């Protein structure tokens, strides 16, 4: 009987974790890749600019 109790502990923890995860995820809004892609486009533009600095090296 004691072995069954030890097997129930991970089962109860998994069920509790699943319930908590679904509750924690309920308020998340689905958003696209827009902000990330905009940031990447700005990064690429900055990297493609010609370097204007001390040109002796």
N, C-alpha and C. Protein backbone atom coordinates (compact mmCIF):
# COMPACT_ATOMS: atom_id res chain seq x y z
N UNK A 1 0.83 -1.20 0.00
CA UNK A 1 0.00 0.00 0.00
C UNK A 1 0.87 1.26 0.00
N UNK A 2 1.98 1.18 0.69
CA UNK A 2 2.88 2.33 0.74
C UNK A 2 3.46 2.66 -0.62
N UNK A 3 3.68 1.62 -1.44
CA UNK A 3 4.22 1.86 -2.78
C UNK A 3 3.22 2.62 -3.64
N UNK A 4 1.94 2.35 -3.47
CA UNK A 4 0.91 3.06 -4.24
C UNK A 4 0.87 4.54 -3.87
N UNK A 5 1.07 4.83 -2.61
CA UNK A 5 1.10 6.23 -2.17
C UNK A 5 2.27 6.95 -2.84
N UNK A 6 3.43 6.30 -2.90
CA UNK A 6 4.59 6.91 -3.54
C UNK A 6 4.38 7.10 -5.03
N UNK A 7 3.60 6.25 -5.66
CA UNK A 7 3.30 6.41 -7.08
C UNK A 7 2.25 7.50 -7.32
N UNK A 8 1.41 7.75 -6.33
CA UNK A 8 0.39 8.79 -6.48
C UNK A 8 0.98 10.19 -6.37
N UNK A 9 2.09 10.35 -5.68
CA UNK A 9 2.68 11.67 -5.50
C UNK A 9 3.06 12.30 -6.84
N UNK A 10 3.80 11.62 -7.73
CA UNK A 10 4.10 12.25 -9.02
C UNK A 10 2.86 12.44 -9.88
N UNK A 11 1.88 11.54 -9.76
CA UNK A 11 0.65 11.69 -10.54
C UNK A 11 -0.11 12.94 -10.12
N UNK A 12 -0.25 13.14 -8.84
CA UNK A 12 -0.93 14.35 -8.33
C UNK A 12 -0.14 15.59 -8.71
N UNK A 13 1.19 15.53 -8.65
CA UNK A 13 2.02 16.68 -9.02
C UNK A 13 1.86 17.00 -10.50
N UNK A 14 1.79 15.98 -11.35
CA UNK A 14 1.63 16.21 -12.78
C UNK A 14 0.27 16.83 -13.09
N UNK A 15 -0.77 16.34 -12.45
CA UNK A 15 -2.10 16.89 -12.66
C UNK A 15 -2.15 18.34 -12.16
N UNK A 16 -1.57 18.58 -10.99
CA UNK A 16 -1.53 19.95 -10.46
C UNK A 16 -0.73 20.88 -11.36
N UNK A 17 0.38 20.39 -11.89
CA UNK A 17 1.18 21.22 -12.80
C UNK A 17 0.43 21.53 -14.08
N UNK A 18 -0.29 20.56 -14.61
CA UNK A 18 -1.08 20.79 -15.81
C UNK A 18 -2.19 21.80 -15.58
N UNK A 19 -2.86 21.69 -14.44
CA UNK A 19 -3.91 22.66 -14.11
C UNK A 19 -3.34 24.06 -13.93
N UNK A 20 -2.22 24.16 -13.25
CA UNK A 20 -1.61 25.47 -13.04
C UNK A 20 -1.15 26.06 -14.38
N UNK A 21 -0.58 25.23 -15.23
CA UNK A 21 -0.11 25.72 -16.53
C UNK A 21 -1.25 26.23 -17.39
N UNK A 22 -2.36 25.51 -17.40
CA UNK A 22 -3.50 25.99 -18.19
C UNK A 22 -4.08 27.26 -17.58
N UNK A 23 -4.10 27.37 -16.25
CA UNK A 23 -4.59 28.58 -15.62
C UNK A 23 -3.66 29.77 -15.89
N UNK A 24 -2.36 29.54 -15.83
CA UNK A 24 -1.40 30.62 -16.03
C UNK A 24 -1.40 31.08 -17.48
N UNK A 25 -1.75 30.22 -18.41
CA UNK A 25 -1.71 30.56 -19.83
C UNK A 25 -3.03 31.12 -20.33
N UNK A 26 -4.03 31.22 -19.50
CA UNK A 26 -5.36 31.63 -19.95
C UNK A 26 -5.43 33.08 -20.39
N UNK A 27 -4.58 33.94 -19.85
CA UNK A 27 -4.67 35.36 -20.17
C UNK A 27 -3.67 35.80 -21.23
N UNK A 28 -2.90 34.89 -21.76
CA UNK A 28 -1.93 35.28 -22.77
C UNK A 28 -2.61 35.56 -24.08
N UNK A 29 -2.19 36.61 -24.71
CA UNK A 29 -2.74 36.96 -26.01
C UNK A 29 -1.85 36.36 -27.08
N UNK A 30 -2.51 35.94 -28.13
CA UNK A 30 -1.76 35.41 -29.26
C UNK A 30 -1.24 36.60 -30.05
N UNK A 31 0.06 36.65 -30.23
CA UNK A 31 0.61 37.75 -31.01
C UNK A 31 1.55 37.16 -32.04
N UNK A 32 1.63 37.83 -33.13
CA UNK A 32 2.44 37.34 -34.21
C UNK A 32 3.90 37.66 -34.04
N UNK A 33 4.63 37.51 -35.10
CA UNK A 33 6.06 37.77 -35.07
C UNK A 33 6.39 39.21 -35.45
N UNK A 34 5.41 40.07 -35.51
CA UNK A 34 5.60 41.44 -35.95
C UNK A 34 6.68 42.19 -35.22
N UNK A 35 6.62 42.31 -33.90
CA UNK A 35 7.64 43.09 -33.19
C UNK A 35 9.05 42.51 -33.34
N UNK A 36 9.15 41.19 -33.34
CA UNK A 36 10.47 40.58 -33.48
C UNK A 36 11.04 40.82 -34.87
N UNK A 37 10.18 40.70 -35.88
CA UNK A 37 10.65 40.92 -37.25
C UNK A 37 11.01 42.38 -37.48
N UNK A 38 10.26 43.30 -36.87
CA UNK A 38 10.60 44.72 -37.00
C UNK A 38 11.96 45.01 -36.38
N UNK A 39 12.21 44.43 -35.22
CA UNK A 39 13.50 44.63 -34.57
C UNK A 39 14.64 44.04 -35.39
N UNK A 40 14.40 42.90 -36.00
CA UNK A 40 15.43 42.28 -36.84
C UNK A 40 15.70 43.13 -38.08
N UNK A 41 14.65 43.71 -38.65
CA UNK A 41 14.84 44.57 -39.83
C UNK A 41 15.67 45.80 -39.46
N UNK A 42 15.41 46.39 -38.29
CA UNK A 42 16.21 47.54 -37.85
C UNK A 42 17.66 47.13 -37.62
N UNK A 43 17.87 45.95 -37.06
CA UNK A 43 19.22 45.46 -36.84
C UNK A 43 19.96 45.29 -38.17
N UNK A 44 19.30 44.70 -39.15
CA UNK A 44 19.94 44.49 -40.45
C UNK A 44 20.28 45.82 -41.11
N UNK A 45 19.36 46.79 -41.02
CA UNK A 45 19.64 48.11 -41.60
C UNK A 45 20.85 48.75 -40.94
N UNK A 46 20.95 48.60 -39.63
CA UNK A 46 22.09 49.19 -38.92
C UNK A 46 23.40 48.49 -39.31
N UNK A 47 23.35 47.21 -39.52
CA UNK A 47 24.57 46.48 -39.87
C UNK A 47 24.98 46.71 -41.31
N UNK A 48 24.05 47.06 -42.18
CA UNK A 48 24.37 47.28 -43.60
C UNK A 48 24.87 48.69 -43.87
N UNK A 49 24.75 49.57 -42.90
CA UNK A 49 25.24 50.94 -43.10
C UNK A 49 26.75 50.91 -43.22
N UNK A 50 27.29 51.75 -44.09
CA UNK A 50 28.76 51.81 -44.20
C UNK A 50 29.35 52.43 -42.93
N UNK A 51 30.49 51.89 -42.56
CA UNK A 51 31.15 52.39 -41.35
C UNK A 51 31.89 53.67 -41.67
N UNK A 52 31.63 54.70 -40.91
CA UNK A 52 32.33 55.98 -41.07
C UNK A 52 33.03 56.26 -39.75
N UNK A 53 34.30 56.02 -39.72
CA UNK A 53 35.05 56.27 -38.49
C UNK A 53 36.48 56.62 -38.87
N UNK A 54 37.38 56.30 -37.99
CA UNK A 54 38.80 56.52 -38.28
C UNK A 54 39.20 55.52 -39.36
N UNK A 55 39.42 55.99 -40.55
CA UNK A 55 39.67 55.11 -41.66
C UNK A 55 41.12 54.75 -41.89
N UNK A 56 41.96 54.83 -40.90
CA UNK A 56 43.37 54.54 -41.10
C UNK A 56 43.75 53.09 -40.85
N UNK A 57 42.88 52.33 -40.26
CA UNK A 57 43.25 50.97 -39.90
C UNK A 57 43.00 50.12 -41.06
